[in-house]
Amino acid sequence: MPARGHTTGQLEGAIAERLRAGYLRDPDVSVEVERYRPIFIMGEVGSAGQYTYVPGMTVHKAIASAGGFSPRAQQADVDVTRVINGKVMTGRVLTSDPLLPGDTIYVRERLF
């Protein structure tokens, strides 16, 4: 069954429905994501690069995994690029904001 574009809850329901159709009376289905798309961290961080996404990850936690902010980093907010409905969009977010798999974080240099 194709999973792209569906939540784990939607997949659980669809699989359970198919199993009810002739296989089981009351199936109990659980779906987990085995591997998420990586996130990318660039700019004024200790070690820019590709990192593993963890569910519930915030911008601040992601930056910490990249070695933290560099001494020249703008630490109040960062730019996050994300694909939304097939369009690439970039916005300025707080470091407490959550991330999604595939996001790109860019930490800007502060002016003074």
Protein backbone atom coordinates (compact mmCIF):
# COMPACT_ATOMS: atom_id res chain seq x y z
CA MET A 1 0.00 0.00 0.00
CA PRO A 2 1.54 3.39 -0.95
CA ALA A 3 2.26 5.54 2.11
CA ARG A 4 3.35 8.85 0.56
CA GLY A 5 1.12 11.74 1.54
CA HIS A 6 -0.61 9.90 4.39
CA THR A 7 -0.22 10.19 8.15
CA THR A 8 0.54 7.13 10.26
CA GLY A 9 -3.04 7.26 11.59
CA GLN A 10 -4.49 7.28 8.08
CA LEU A 11 -2.33 4.31 7.11
CA GLU A 12 -3.35 2.37 10.22
CA GLY A 13 -7.02 2.89 9.36
CA ALA A 14 -6.59 1.95 5.69
CA ILE A 15 -4.62 -1.22 6.48
CA ALA A 16 -7.11 -2.24 9.17
CA GLU A 17 -9.99 -1.73 6.72
CA ARG A 18 -8.32 -3.96 4.12
CA LEU A 19 -7.64 -6.65 6.72
CA ARG A 20 -11.30 -6.55 7.82
CA ALA A 21 -12.37 -7.33 4.26
CA GLY A 22 -12.03 -11.09 4.56
CA TYR A 23 -8.98 -11.69 6.76
CA LEU A 24 -9.54 -10.57 10.35
CA ARG A 25 -12.56 -9.53 12.41
CA ASP A 26 -11.01 -6.76 14.48
CA PRO A 27 -7.42 -6.07 13.39
CA ASP A 28 -5.16 -3.93 15.59
CA VAL A 29 -2.73 -2.13 13.28
CA SER A 30 0.22 0.05 14.28
CA VAL A 31 2.34 2.04 11.81
CA GLU A 32 5.72 3.65 12.55
CA VAL A 33 8.04 5.63 10.34
CA GLU A 34 11.35 3.79 10.07
CA ARG A 35 13.39 6.59 8.55
CA TYR A 36 12.63 10.27 8.06
CA ARG A 37 14.12 12.59 5.45
CA PRO A 38 17.20 14.36 6.80
CA ILE A 39 17.36 18.02 7.75
CA PHE A 40 20.09 20.38 6.56
CA ILE A 41 21.77 23.01 8.72
CA MET A 42 23.82 25.80 7.15
CA GLY A 43 25.38 29.10 8.11
CA GLU A 44 26.81 30.18 11.44
CA VAL A 45 26.90 26.84 13.27
CA GLY A 46 29.73 24.67 14.55
CA SER A 47 29.44 22.02 11.85
CA ALA A 48 27.07 22.64 8.94
CA GLY A 49 25.71 19.63 7.06
CA GLN A 50 23.04 16.96 6.83
CA TYR A 51 21.54 15.60 10.05
CA THR A 52 19.01 12.95 11.03
CA TYR A 53 15.51 14.24 11.78
CA VAL A 54 14.03 13.14 15.11
CA PRO A 55 10.26 13.51 15.72
CA GLY A 56 9.54 16.53 17.91
CA MET A 57 12.82 18.22 16.98
CA THR A 58 12.95 22.00 17.34
CA VAL A 59 15.26 24.42 15.56
CA HIS A 60 17.27 24.85 18.76
CA LYS A 61 17.79 21.08 19.18
CA ALA A 62 18.84 20.78 15.54
CA ILE A 63 21.39 23.57 15.90
CA ALA A 64 22.72 21.90 19.04
CA SER A 65 23.28 18.69 17.05
CA ALA A 66 25.29 20.76 14.54
CA GLY A 67 27.70 21.98 17.22
CA GLY A 68 25.70 24.99 18.39
CA PHE A 69 25.86 28.58 17.23
CA SER A 70 29.15 30.07 16.06
CA PRO A 71 30.35 33.23 17.89
CA ARG A 72 29.04 35.38 15.00
CA ALA A 73 25.58 33.79 14.79
CA GLN A 74 22.26 35.64 14.98
CA GLN A 75 20.70 33.53 17.74
CA ALA A 76 17.20 35.01 18.11
CA ASP A 77 15.73 33.60 14.89
CA VAL A 78 16.74 31.63 11.78
CA ASP A 79 15.52 31.04 8.24
CA VAL A 80 13.80 27.72 7.53
CA THR A 81 13.16 26.52 3.99
CA ARG A 82 10.41 23.94 3.50
CA VAL A 83 8.41 22.46 0.62
CA ILE A 84 4.71 23.21 1.15
CA ASN A 85 2.20 21.92 -1.42
CA GLY A 86 4.98 21.50 -3.96
CA LYS A 87 6.34 25.03 -3.50
CA VAL A 88 9.64 25.91 -1.83
CA MET A 89 9.03 28.52 0.87
CA THR A 90 11.42 30.26 3.26
CA GLY A 91 10.42 31.99 6.45
CA ARG A 92 12.03 33.43 9.55
CA VAL A 93 11.20 31.42 12.67
CA LEU A 94 12.12 31.36 16.35
CA THR A 95 14.57 28.72 17.58
CA SER A 96 11.78 27.18 19.68
CA ASP A 97 9.69 26.37 16.58
CA PRO A 98 9.31 22.73 15.46
CA LEU A 99 10.93 21.27 12.36
CA LEU A 100 9.67 18.83 9.75
CA PRO A 101 11.65 16.21 7.84
CA GLY A 102 13.44 17.73 4.85
CA ASP A 103 13.68 21.25 6.30
CA THR A 104 16.76 23.39 5.70
CA ILE A 105 17.90 25.74 8.47
CA TYR A 106 20.07 28.75 7.72
CA VAL A 107 21.64 30.59 10.65
CA ARG A 108 22.47 34.16 9.65
CA GLU A 109 25.48 36.18 10.77
CA ARG A 110 24.69 38.98 13.22
CA LEU A 111 25.58 42.51 12.21
CA PHE A 112 27.41 43.55 15.40
